Structures are given as C-alpha cells and as structure tokens.
C-alpha cells in the first residue's frame, strides 16, 4: 500500500484536485485509507466511491472481483435480500 499512496501523492503534486476512491462498503477501511493519505501529506478532498446494491448476484461478483472488504452486517443484509432485487 505504501507504493500506491506514494504514487497517488505524485499525482496530487502534479496537479490532481481531488481523489475518487474505488467503491467500498466498510467505512473503517475508508477511514484508514484517508488517514494514510493524510499521513503522506495528501491534503486534497478524497471522495468516497459508491456503488448501490442492485442485486445480490452483482454485489457478490463485484465485491469478489474488486476484493472489497464487506462488514458482516452488510453481507447479512444483502444475503437477506435473497433473489428479491426490490428488497
């Protein structure tokens, strides 16, 4: 992660006005990421990426593909949807 943050710092130093993150469902992961950025001297706005849950299948596929951390309570809520995408 250190190399990733250093690369991001170079982008900001080169003129990036803000950072848009990958989507996430775990706020603690976002807070740690923002903390690491701030510790590296990155002071621009960091905008959290979002991806609404459209279906259980899409949620599973995207979180697995992107290796996103999912808190147990979020996973349970999505599983409770079953096949009802309107839930």
Protein backbone atom coordinates (compact mmCIF):
# COMPACT_ATOMS: atom_id res chain seq x y z
CA UNK A 1 0.00 0.00 0.00
CA UNK A 2 2.89 2.38 0.62
CA UNK A 3 3.86 2.41 -3.05
CA UNK A 4 0.23 3.05 -4.03
CA UNK A 5 -0.01 6.04 -1.67
CA UNK A 6 3.35 7.40 -2.90
CA UNK A 7 2.14 7.15 -6.50
CA UNK A 8 -1.08 8.92 -5.55
CA UNK A 9 0.94 11.67 -3.83
CA UNK A 10 2.90 12.22 -7.05
CA UNK A 11 -0.38 12.61 -8.95
CA UNK A 12 -1.66 15.16 -6.44
CA UNK A 13 1.66 17.02 -6.52
CA UNK A 14 1.36 17.08 -10.33
CA UNK A 15 -1.98 18.86 -10.09
CA UNK A 16 -4.81 16.48 -9.19
CA UNK A 17 -7.55 18.45 -7.42
CA UNK A 18 -9.29 15.51 -5.74
CA UNK A 19 -9.21 11.74 -5.30
CA UNK A 20 -12.16 9.47 -6.10
CA UNK A 21 -11.86 6.08 -4.41
CA UNK A 22 -12.97 2.67 -5.56
CA UNK A 23 -16.37 1.72 -4.15
CA UNK A 24 -16.42 0.30 -0.64
CA UNK A 25 -18.84 -0.94 2.00
CA UNK A 26 -16.54 -0.84 5.03
CA UNK A 27 -16.23 2.67 6.45
CA UNK A 28 -13.27 1.64 8.64
CA UNK A 29 -11.28 0.76 5.51
CA UNK A 30 -12.06 4.20 4.04
CA UNK A 31 -11.03 5.96 7.26
CA UNK A 32 -7.70 4.09 7.31
CA UNK A 33 -7.12 4.96 3.66
CA UNK A 34 -7.83 8.65 4.27
CA UNK A 35 -5.52 8.55 7.30
CA UNK A 36 -2.71 7.02 5.24
CA UNK A 37 -3.20 9.68 2.58
CA UNK A 38 -3.12 12.47 5.15
CA UNK A 39 -0.02 10.97 6.78
CA UNK A 40 1.65 11.07 3.34
CA UNK A 41 0.86 14.77 3.02
CA UNK A 42 -2.10 14.44 0.66
CA UNK A 43 -4.49 17.24 1.59
CA UNK A 44 -6.94 17.39 -1.33
CA UNK A 45 -10.53 16.17 -0.96
CA UNK A 46 -10.97 12.40 -1.00
CA UNK A 47 -14.38 11.46 -2.37
CA UNK A 48 -15.71 8.02 -1.44
CA UNK A 49 -16.74 5.88 -4.39
CA UNK A 50 -20.19 4.35 -4.17
CA UNK A 51 -21.94 1.50 -5.91
CA UNK A 52 -25.57 0.91 -4.99
CA UNK A 53 -26.53 -2.69 -4.34
CA UNK A 54 -28.66 -3.61 -7.34
CA UNK A 55 -28.82 -7.35 -6.81
CA UNK A 56 -27.26 -9.97 -4.59
CA UNK A 57 -25.51 -11.59 -7.55
CA UNK A 58 -24.00 -8.31 -8.79
CA UNK A 59 -22.93 -7.41 -5.26
CA UNK A 60 -21.15 -10.74 -4.81
CA UNK A 61 -19.48 -10.57 -8.21
CA UNK A 62 -18.21 -7.01 -7.83
CA UNK A 63 -17.01 -7.31 -4.25
CA UNK A 64 -15.15 -10.51 -5.08
CA UNK A 65 -13.66 -9.10 -8.29
CA UNK A 66 -12.54 -5.87 -6.60
CA UNK A 67 -11.53 -7.67 -3.40
CA UNK A 68 -13.65 -5.24 -1.37
CA UNK A 69 -13.99 -5.68 2.37
CA UNK A 70 -17.61 -6.22 3.38
CA UNK A 71 -18.63 -5.90 7.03
CA UNK A 72 -20.69 -8.85 8.33
CA UNK A 73 -23.80 -6.71 8.86
CA UNK A 74 -23.73 -5.51 5.23
CA UNK A 75 -23.19 -9.04 3.92
CA UNK A 76 -26.10 -10.29 6.07
CA UNK A 77 -28.41 -7.55 4.77
CA UNK A 78 -27.55 -8.37 1.17
CA UNK A 79 -27.99 -12.10 1.77
CA UNK A 80 -31.38 -11.40 3.35
CA UNK A 81 -32.49 -9.93 0.00
CA UNK A 82 -32.41 -13.43 -1.43
CA UNK A 83 -33.49 -13.20 -5.04
CA UNK A 84 -35.74 -10.18 -4.36
CA UNK A 85 -33.86 -7.35 -6.05
CA UNK A 86 -36.56 -4.89 -4.90
CA UNK A 87 -35.66 -5.55 -1.24
